[in-house]
Amino acid sequence: MGSSVLFRLHLWTLFDTALANPLEVFKMATLNGSQAAVSVLGPVGRYANYTFGHMLWLVFLGVLIAWIAVPLALTWRIFRNAEVG
């Protein structure tokens, strides 16, 4: 939080930074799926809830799927032609 004040980051920048961390995405998705509101996360949670509304779970799901699919695809591409031995 201190760095966001120091660098004067906007809410969407903080939200994008949080989406770059899969653990943070899981935490936000868990809060979004429970009875607690995402606004528990502060201004960034309120921004996400206001911007995406009921479709916020799709954003979280898409990011988590990307965190699985992209490394898997890159690994497959690197090792598909590699010789063993």
Protein backbone atom coordinates (compact mmCIF):
# COMPACT_ATOMS: atom_id res chain seq x y z
CA MET A 1 0.00 0.00 0.00
CA GLY A 2 2.84 2.36 0.79
CA SER A 3 4.35 1.92 -2.65
CA SER A 4 1.04 2.71 -4.32
CA VAL A 5 0.95 6.04 -2.48
CA LEU A 6 4.62 6.72 -3.18
CA PHE A 7 4.36 6.00 -6.92
CA ARG A 8 0.80 7.41 -7.18
CA LEU A 9 -0.56 4.30 -8.85
CA HIS A 10 -4.11 4.29 -10.15
CA LEU A 11 -6.65 1.71 -9.01
CA TRP A 12 -6.63 -0.09 -12.36
CA THR A 13 -2.83 -0.38 -12.19
CA LEU A 14 -3.06 -1.94 -8.74
CA PHE A 15 -5.78 -4.31 -9.94
CA ASP A 16 -3.70 -5.33 -12.97
CA THR A 17 -0.70 -5.89 -10.72
CA ALA A 18 -2.81 -8.07 -8.44
CA LEU A 19 -3.96 -10.09 -11.47
CA ALA A 20 -0.33 -10.79 -12.31
CA ASN A 21 -0.02 -12.80 -9.08
CA PRO A 22 -1.94 -16.11 -9.17
CA LEU A 23 -2.07 -16.33 -5.37
CA GLU A 24 -3.67 -12.90 -5.19
CA VAL A 25 -6.16 -13.88 -7.90
CA PHE A 26 -7.08 -17.00 -5.93
CA LYS A 27 -7.54 -14.93 -2.77
CA MET A 28 -9.76 -12.42 -4.55
CA ALA A 29 -11.74 -15.20 -6.25
CA THR A 30 -12.27 -16.93 -2.92
CA LEU A 31 -13.53 -13.73 -1.34
CA ASN A 32 -15.72 -13.08 -4.35
CA GLY A 33 -17.22 -16.58 -4.10
CA SER A 34 -17.88 -16.40 -0.38
CA GLN A 35 -20.40 -14.25 1.42
CA ALA A 36 -17.73 -11.57 1.93
CA ALA A 37 -17.63 -8.78 -0.61
CA VAL A 38 -14.57 -8.08 -2.71
CA SER A 39 -14.70 -4.59 -1.23
CA VAL A 40 -13.06 -6.18 1.83
CA LEU A 41 -9.88 -5.78 -0.23
CA GLY A 42 -10.24 -2.02 -0.08
CA PRO A 43 -10.43 0.48 -2.92
CA VAL A 44 -9.06 -1.96 -5.48
CA GLY A 45 -11.77 -4.48 -4.61
CA ARG A 46 -14.43 -1.81 -4.91
CA TYR A 47 -12.98 -0.76 -8.28
CA ALA A 48 -13.04 -4.37 -9.53
CA ASN A 49 -16.59 -4.89 -8.31
CA TYR A 50 -17.77 -1.61 -9.86
CA THR A 51 -15.99 -2.23 -13.18
CA PHE A 52 -16.77 -5.91 -13.74
CA GLY A 53 -19.79 -6.46 -11.49
CA HIS A 54 -21.19 -9.97 -11.65
CA MET A 55 -18.70 -10.92 -14.37
CA LEU A 56 -15.73 -10.55 -12.03
CA TRP A 57 -15.57 -14.31 -11.50
CA LEU A 58 -14.96 -14.70 -15.26
CA VAL A 59 -11.95 -12.39 -15.01
CA PHE A 60 -10.54 -14.42 -12.13
CA LEU A 61 -11.26 -17.72 -13.90
CA GLY A 62 -9.66 -16.50 -17.12
CA VAL A 63 -6.52 -15.33 -15.35
CA LEU A 64 -6.15 -18.60 -13.45
CA ILE A 65 -6.67 -20.64 -16.63
CA ALA A 66 -4.07 -18.48 -18.38
CA TRP A 67 -1.62 -19.14 -15.52
CA ILE A 68 -2.04 -22.86 -16.23
CA ALA A 69 -2.35 -22.89 -20.02
CA VAL A 70 0.46 -20.51 -21.00
CA PRO A 71 3.30 -22.29 -19.12
CA LEU A 72 1.93 -25.66 -20.26
CA ALA A 73 1.87 -24.56 -23.90
CA LEU A 74 5.36 -23.06 -23.68
CA THR A 75 6.73 -26.20 -22.06
CA TRP A 76 5.10 -28.41 -24.69
CA ARG A 77 6.52 -26.25 -27.47
CA ILE A 78 10.04 -26.38 -26.03
CA PHE A 79 10.10 -30.11 -25.35
CA ARG A 80 8.07 -31.53 -28.23
CA ASN A 81 11.13 -31.89 -30.48
CA ALA A 82 13.70 -32.49 -27.76
CA GLU A 83 15.56 -35.77 -27.98
CA VAL A 84 15.78 -37.91 -24.89
CA GLY A 85 19.19 -39.32 -24.05
